[in-house]
Amino acid sequence: MANSNQPVVIRITDRTSRVAICKECPRLMRLAGMLCAECKCFVLAKASFEAADCPLNKWSYTQQ
């Protein structure tokens, strides 16, 4: 049984879709990796977690 306190990692195809959206965003900073200027997160890491969402509402968590 999974621990409900553990973050859930999404499928690689979903992560790829999220990252593609971020790559088109003018708020993406490409200094030392891909950093979101809105939430200051590392995009590749944040896009991997199911419950994460974009602060600009470009992608979000959708419960299945």
PDB file of N, CA and C in Angstrom:
ATOM      1  N   MET A   1       0.841  -1.179   0.000  1.00  0.00           N
ATOM      2  CA  MET A   1       0.000   0.000   0.000  1.00  0.00           C
ATOM      3  C   MET A   1       0.885   1.240   0.000  1.00  0.00           C
ATOM      4  N   ALA A   2       0.526   2.201  -0.860  1.00  0.00           N
ATOM      5  CA  ALA A   2       1.305   3.429  -0.978  1.00  0.00           C
ATOM      6  C   ALA A   2       1.016   4.357   0.204  1.00  0.00           C
ATOM      7  N   ASN A   3       2.041   5.057   0.610  1.00  0.00           N
ATOM      8  CA  ASN A   3       1.909   6.046   1.671  1.00  0.00           C
ATOM      9  C   ASN A   3       1.281   7.305   1.079  1.00  0.00           C
ATOM     10  N   SER A   4       0.178   7.771   1.618  1.00  0.00           N
ATOM     11  CA  SER A   4      -0.511   8.939   1.059  1.00  0.00           C
ATOM     12  C   SER A   4       0.288  10.228   1.208  1.00  0.00           C
ATOM     13  N   ASN A   5       1.336  10.214   2.010  1.00  0.00           N
ATOM     14  CA  ASN A   5       2.187  11.397   2.169  1.00  0.00           C
ATOM     15  C   ASN A   5       3.276  11.469   1.104  1.00  0.00           C
ATOM     16  N   GLN A   6       3.390  10.417   0.309  1.00  0.00           N
ATOM     17  CA  GLN A   6       4.418  10.366  -0.725  1.00  0.00           C
ATOM     18  C   GLN A   6       3.893  11.012  -2.008  1.00  0.00           C
ATOM     19  N   PRO A   7       4.713  11.839  -2.684  1.00  0.00           N
ATOM     20  CA  PRO A   7       4.279  12.398  -3.962  1.00  0.00           C
ATOM     21  C   PRO A   7       4.189  11.301  -5.021  1.00  0.00           C
ATOM     22  N   VAL A   8       3.243  11.434  -5.927  1.00  0.00           N
ATOM     23  CA  VAL A   8       3.059  10.462  -6.991  1.00  0.00           C
ATOM     24  C   VAL A   8       3.684  11.013  -8.266  1.00  0.00           C
ATOM     25  N   VAL A   9       4.530  10.211  -8.893  1.00  0.00           N
ATOM     26  CA  VAL A   9       5.207  10.610 -10.122  1.00  0.00           C
ATOM     27  C   VAL A   9       4.344  10.179 -11.305  1.00  0.00           C
ATOM     28  N   ILE A  10       4.220  11.044 -12.312  1.00  0.00           N
ATOM     29  CA  ILE A  10       3.372  10.772 -13.465  1.00  0.00           C
ATOM     30  C   ILE A  10       4.113  10.001 -14.561  1.00  0.00           C
ATOM     31  N   ARG A  11       3.367   9.572 -15.572  1.00  0.00           N
ATOM     32  CA  ARG A  11       3.960   8.877 -16.724  1.00  0.00           C
ATOM     33  C   ARG A  11       4.867   9.827 -17.482  1.00  0.00           C
ATOM     34  N   ILE A  12       5.890   9.280 -18.118  1.00  0.00           N
ATOM     35  CA  ILE A  12       6.863  10.093 -18.849  1.00  0.00           C
ATOM     36  C   ILE A  12       6.199  10.866 -19.989  1.00  0.00           C
ATOM     37  N   THR A  13       5.180  10.300 -20.612  1.00  0.00           N
ATOM     38  CA  THR A  13       4.499  11.009 -21.699  1.00  0.00           C
ATOM     39  C   THR A  13       3.765  12.245 -21.184  1.00  0.00           C
ATOM     40  N   ASP A  14       3.171  12.149 -20.003  1.00  0.00           N
ATOM     41  CA  ASP A  14       2.501  13.313 -19.411  1.00  0.00           C
ATOM     42  C   ASP A  14       3.521  14.378 -19.018  1.00  0.00           C
ATOM     43  N   ARG A  15       4.645  13.941 -18.477  1.00  0.00           N
ATOM     44  CA  ARG A  15       5.706  14.886 -18.097  1.00  0.00           C
ATOM     45  C   ARG A  15       6.242  15.596 -19.332  1.00  0.00           C
ATOM     46  N   THR A  16       6.425  14.844 -20.402  1.00  0.00           N
ATOM     47  CA  THR A  16       6.929  15.426 -21.648  1.00  0.00           C
ATOM     48  C   THR A  16       5.978  16.489 -22.175  1.00  0.00           C
ATOM     49  N   SER A  17       4.688  16.236 -22.086  1.00  0.00           N
ATOM     50  CA  SER A  17       3.691  17.218 -22.536  1.00  0.00           C
ATOM     51  C   SER A  17       3.754  18.492 -21.706  1.00  0.00           C
ATOM     52  N   ARG A  18       3.881  18.339 -20.407  1.00  0.00           N
ATOM     53  CA  ARG A  18       3.969  19.505 -19.529  1.00  0.00           C
ATOM     54  C   ARG A  18       5.211  20.328 -19.838  1.00  0.00           C
ATOM     55  N   VAL A  19       6.337  19.651 -19.994  1.00  0.00           N
ATOM     56  CA  VAL A  19       7.603  20.346 -20.262  1.00  0.00           C
ATOM     57  C   VAL A  19       7.553  21.056 -21.615  1.00  0.00           C
ATOM     58  N   ALA A  20       6.911  20.456 -22.605  1.00  0.00           N
ATOM     59  CA  ALA A  20       6.779  21.094 -23.917  1.00  0.00           C
ATOM     60  C   ALA A  20       6.016  22.412 -23.799  1.00  0.00           C
ATOM     61  N   ILE A  21       4.984  22.438 -22.968  1.00  0.00           N
ATOM     62  CA  ILE A  21       4.227  23.670 -22.730  1.00  0.00           C
ATOM     63  C   ILE A  21       5.136  24.715 -22.084  1.00  0.00           C
ATOM     64  N   CYS A  22       5.913  24.295 -21.109  1.00  0.00           N
ATOM     65  CA  CYS A  22       6.821  25.218 -20.422  1.00  0.00           C
ATOM     66  C   CYS A  22       7.877  25.783 -21.365  1.00  0.00           C
ATOM     67  N   LYS A  23       8.358  24.970 -22.286  1.00  0.00           N
ATOM     68  CA  LYS A  23       9.389  25.433 -23.218  1.00  0.00           C
ATOM     69  C   LYS A  23       8.896  26.572 -24.100  1.00  0.00           C
ATOM     70  N   GLU A  24       7.585  26.673 -24.301  1.00  0.00           N
ATOM     71  CA  GLU A  24       7.006  27.735 -25.115  1.00  0.00           C
ATOM     72  C   GLU A  24       6.652  28.987 -24.299  1.00  0.00           C
ATOM     73  N   CYS A  25       6.747  28.884 -22.988  1.00  0.00           N
ATOM     74  CA  CYS A  25       6.337  29.971 -22.106  1.00  0.00           C
ATOM     75  C   CYS A  25       7.414  31.059 -22.009  1.00  0.00           C
ATOM     76  N   PRO A  26       7.023  32.334 -22.126  1.00  0.00           N
ATOM     77  CA  PRO A  26       7.993  33.421 -22.005  1.00  0.00           C
ATOM     78  C   PRO A  26       8.547  33.578 -20.582  1.00  0.00           C
ATOM     79  N   ARG A  27       7.940  32.954 -19.598  1.00  0.00           N
ATOM     80  CA  ARG A  27       8.408  33.050 -18.209  1.00  0.00           C
ATOM     81  C   ARG A  27       9.446  31.974 -17.870  1.00  0.00           C
ATOM     82  N   LEU A  28       9.785  31.136 -18.834  1.00  0.00           N
ATOM     83  CA  LEU A  28      10.805  30.113 -18.603  1.00  0.00           C
ATOM     84  C   LEU A  28      12.187  30.746 -18.665  1.00  0.00           C
ATOM     85  N   MET A  29      12.993  30.486 -17.649  1.00  0.00           N
ATOM     86  CA  MET A  29      14.378  30.961 -17.624  1.00  0.00           C
ATOM     87  C   MET A  29      15.275  29.759 -17.891  1.00  0.00           C
ATOM     88  N   ARG A  30      16.148  29.891 -18.850  1.00  0.00           N
ATOM     89  CA  ARG A  30      17.031  28.784 -19.219  1.00  0.00           C
ATOM     90  C   ARG A  30      18.433  28.969 -18.646  1.00  0.00           C
ATOM     91  N   LEU A  31      18.509  29.466 -17.443  1.00  0.00           N
ATOM     92  CA  LEU A  31      19.780  29.635 -16.753  1.00  0.00           C
ATOM     93  C   LEU A  31      19.971  28.462 -15.807  1.00  0.00           C
ATOM     94  N   ALA A  32      21.036  27.761 -15.955  1.00  0.00           N
ATOM     95  CA  ALA A  32      21.327  26.612 -15.088  1.00  0.00           C
ATOM     96  C   ALA A  32      20.164  25.625 -15.081  1.00  0.00           C
ATOM     97  N   GLY A  33      19.651  25.317 -16.238  1.00  0.00           N
ATOM     98  CA  GLY A  33      18.505  24.420 -16.345  1.00  0.00           C
ATOM     99  C   GLY A  33      17.259  25.205 -16.685  1.00  0.00           C
ATOM    100  N   MET A  34      16.136  24.562 -16.559  1.00  0.00           N
ATOM    101  CA  MET A  34      14.856  25.204 -16.878  1.00  0.00           C
ATOM    102  C   MET A  34      14.182  25.618 -15.575  1.00  0.00           C
ATOM    103  N   LEU A  35      14.115  26.915 -15.345  1.00  0.00           N
ATOM    104  CA  LEU A  35      13.557  27.459 -14.120  1.00  0.00           C
ATOM    105  C   LEU A  35      12.349  28.324 -14.452  1.00  0.00           C
ATOM    106  N   CYS A  36      11.260  28.135 -13.732  1.00  0.00           N
ATOM    107  CA  CYS A  36      10.054  28.944 -13.921  1.00  0.00           C
ATOM    108  C   CYS A  36      10.225  30.265 -13.164  1.00  0.00           C
ATOM    109  N   ALA A  37      10.064  31.367 -13.867  1.00  0.00           N
ATOM    110  CA  ALA A  37      10.200  32.683 -13.237  1.00  0.00           C
ATOM    111  C   ALA A  37       9.018  33.010 -12.330  1.00  0.00           C
ATOM    112  N   GLU A  38       7.887  32.340 -12.503  1.00  0.00           N
ATOM    113  CA  GLU A  38       6.707  32.590 -11.670  1.00  0.00           C
ATOM    114  C   GLU A  38       6.840  31.932 -10.304  1.00  0.00           C
ATOM    115  N   CYS A  39       7.099  30.634 -10.270  1.00  0.00           N
ATOM    116  CA  CYS A  39       7.113  29.910  -8.986  1.00  0.00           C
ATOM    117  C   CYS A  39       8.521  29.536  -8.529  1.00  0.00           C
ATOM    118  N   LYS A  40       9.517  29.847  -9.356  1.00  0.00           N
ATOM    119  CA  LYS A  40      10.933  29.588  -9.033  1.00  0.00           C
ATOM    120  C   LYS A  40      11.260  28.097  -8.912  1.00  0.00           C
ATOM    121  N   CYS A  41      10.477  27.249  -9.566  1.00  0.00           N
ATOM    122  CA  CYS A  41      10.730  25.807  -9.492  1.00  0.00           C
ATOM    123  C   CYS A  41      11.604  25.360 -10.660  1.00  0.00           C
ATOM    124  N   PHE A  42      12.218  24.210 -10.491  1.00  0.00           N
ATOM    125  CA  PHE A  42      12.896  23.552 -11.589  1.00  0.00           C
ATOM    126  C   PHE A  42      11.829  22.781 -12.353  1.00  0.00           C
ATOM    127  N   VAL A  43      11.579  23.188 -13.583  1.00  0.00           N
ATOM    128  CA  VAL A  43      10.470  22.675 -14.367  1.00  0.00           C
ATOM    129  C   VAL A  43      10.522  21.165 -14.538  1.00  0.00           C
ATOM    130  N   LEU A  44      11.680  20.609 -14.843  1.00  0.00           N
ATOM    131  CA  LEU A  44      11.770  19.166 -15.064  1.00  0.00           C
ATOM    132  C   LEU A  44      11.371  18.378 -13.825  1.00  0.00           C
ATOM    133  N   ALA A  45      11.666  18.903 -12.671  1.00  0.00           N
ATOM    134  CA  ALA A  45      11.274  18.225 -11.429  1.00  0.00           C
ATOM    135  C   ALA A  45       9.784  18.414 -11.154  1.00  0.00           C
ATOM    136  N   LYS A  46       9.324  19.651 -11.200  1.00  0.00           N
ATOM    137  CA  LYS A  46       7.922  19.925 -10.876  1.00  0.00           C
ATOM    138  C   LYS A  46       6.965  19.217 -11.828  1.00  0.00           C
ATOM    139  N   ALA A  47       7.296  19.188 -13.101  1.00  0.00           N
ATOM    140  CA  ALA A  47       6.423  18.566 -14.101  1.00  0.00           C
ATOM    141  C   ALA A  47       6.286  17.055 -13.899  1.00  0.00           C
ATOM    142  N   SER A  48       7.117  16.483 -13.066  1.00  0.00           N
ATOM    143  CA  SER A  48       7.095  15.037 -12.824  1.00  0.00           C
ATOM    144  C   SER A  48       6.052  14.605 -11.807  1.00  0.00           C
ATOM    145  N   PHE A  49       5.549  15.543 -11.016  1.00  0.00           N
ATOM    146  CA  PHE A  49       4.647  15.178  -9.925  1.00  0.00           C
ATOM    147  C   PHE A  49       3.186  15.386 -10.290  1.00  0.00           C
ATOM    148  N   GLU A  50       2.402  14.376 -10.026  1.00  0.00           N
ATOM    149  CA  GLU A  50       0.992  14.355 -10.394  1.00  0.00           C
ATOM    150  C   GLU A  50       0.217  15.566  -9.884  1.00  0.00           C
ATOM    151  N   ALA A  51       0.393  15.925  -8.644  1.00  0.00           N
ATOM    152  CA  ALA A  51      -0.404  16.989  -8.032  1.00  0.00           C
ATOM    153  C   ALA A  51       0.141  18.397  -8.303  1.00  0.00           C
ATOM    154  N   ALA A  52       1.199  18.509  -9.088  1.00  0.00           N
ATOM    155  CA  ALA A  52       1.768  19.822  -9.402  1.00  0.00           C
ATOM    156  C   ALA A  52       0.914  20.531 -10.441  1.00  0.00           C
ATOM    157  N   ASP A  53       0.997  21.859 -10.441  1.00  0.00           N
ATOM    158  CA  ASP A  53       0.316  22.626 -11.473  1.00  0.00           C
ATOM    159  C   ASP A  53       1.115  23.872 -11.818  1.00  0.00           C
ATOM    160  N   CYS A  54       0.825  24.424 -12.978  1.00  0.00           N
ATOM    161  CA  CYS A  54       1.500  25.622 -13.458  1.00  0.00           C
ATOM    162  C   CYS A  54       0.869  26.836 -12.784  1.00  0.00           C
ATOM    163  N   PRO A  55       1.669  27.780 -12.275  1.00  0.00           N
ATOM    164  CA  PRO A  55       1.104  28.971 -11.641  1.00  0.00           C
ATOM    165  C   PRO A  55       0.386  29.886 -12.632  1.00  0.00           C
ATOM    166  N   LEU A  56       0.598  29.669 -13.922  1.00  0.00           N
ATOM    167  CA  LEU A  56      -0.076  30.458 -14.951  1.00  0.00           C
ATOM    168  C   LEU A  56      -1.236  29.684 -15.587  1.00  0.00           C
ATOM    169  N   ASN A  57      -1.571  28.543 -14.985  1.00  0.00           N
ATOM    170  CA  ASN A  57      -2.676  27.685 -15.445  1.00  0.00           C
ATOM    171  C   ASN A  57      -2.511  27.172 -16.870  1.00  0.00           C
ATOM    172  N   LYS A  58      -1.266  26.928 -17.260  1.00  0.00           N
ATOM    173  CA  LYS A  58      -1.017  26.365 -18.591  1.00  0.00           C
ATOM    174  C   LYS A  58      -1.140  24.847 -18.572  1.00  0.00           C
ATOM    175  N   TRP A  59      -0.933  24.223 -17.432  1.00  0.00           N
ATOM    176  CA  TRP A  59      -1.192  22.793 -17.226  1.00  0.00           C
ATOM    177  C   TRP A  59      -1.492  22.593 -15.755  1.00  0.00           C
ATOM    178  N   SER A  60      -2.235  21.554 -15.450  1.00  0.00           N
ATOM    179  CA  SER A  60      -2.617  21.334 -14.062  1.00  0.00           C
ATOM    180  C   SER A  60      -2.842  19.862 -13.756  1.00  0.00           C
ATOM    181  N   TYR A  61      -2.979  19.604 -12.506  1.00  0.00           N
ATOM    182  CA  TYR A  61      -3.309  18.274 -12.018  1.00  0.00           C
ATOM    183  C   TYR A  61      -4.770  17.989 -12.312  1.00  0.00           C
ATOM    184  N   THR A  62      -5.008  16.881 -12.974  1.00  0.00           N
ATOM    185  CA  THR A  62      -6.386  16.454 -13.188  1.00  0.00           C
ATOM    186  C   THR A  62      -6.536  15.057 -12.599  1.00  0.00           C
ATOM    187  N   GLN A  63      -7.373  14.945 -11.630  1.00  0.00           N
ATOM    188  CA  GLN A  63      -7.575  13.682 -10.957  1.00  0.00           C
ATOM    189  C   GLN A  63      -8.280  12.715 -11.894  1.00  0.00           C
ATOM    190  N   GLN A  64      -7.747  11.491 -11.967  1.00  0.00           N
ATOM    191  CA  GLN A  64      -8.312  10.486 -12.864  1.00  0.00           C
ATOM    192  C   GLN A  64      -9.203   9.547 -12.112  1.00  0.00           C
TER     193      GLN A  64
END
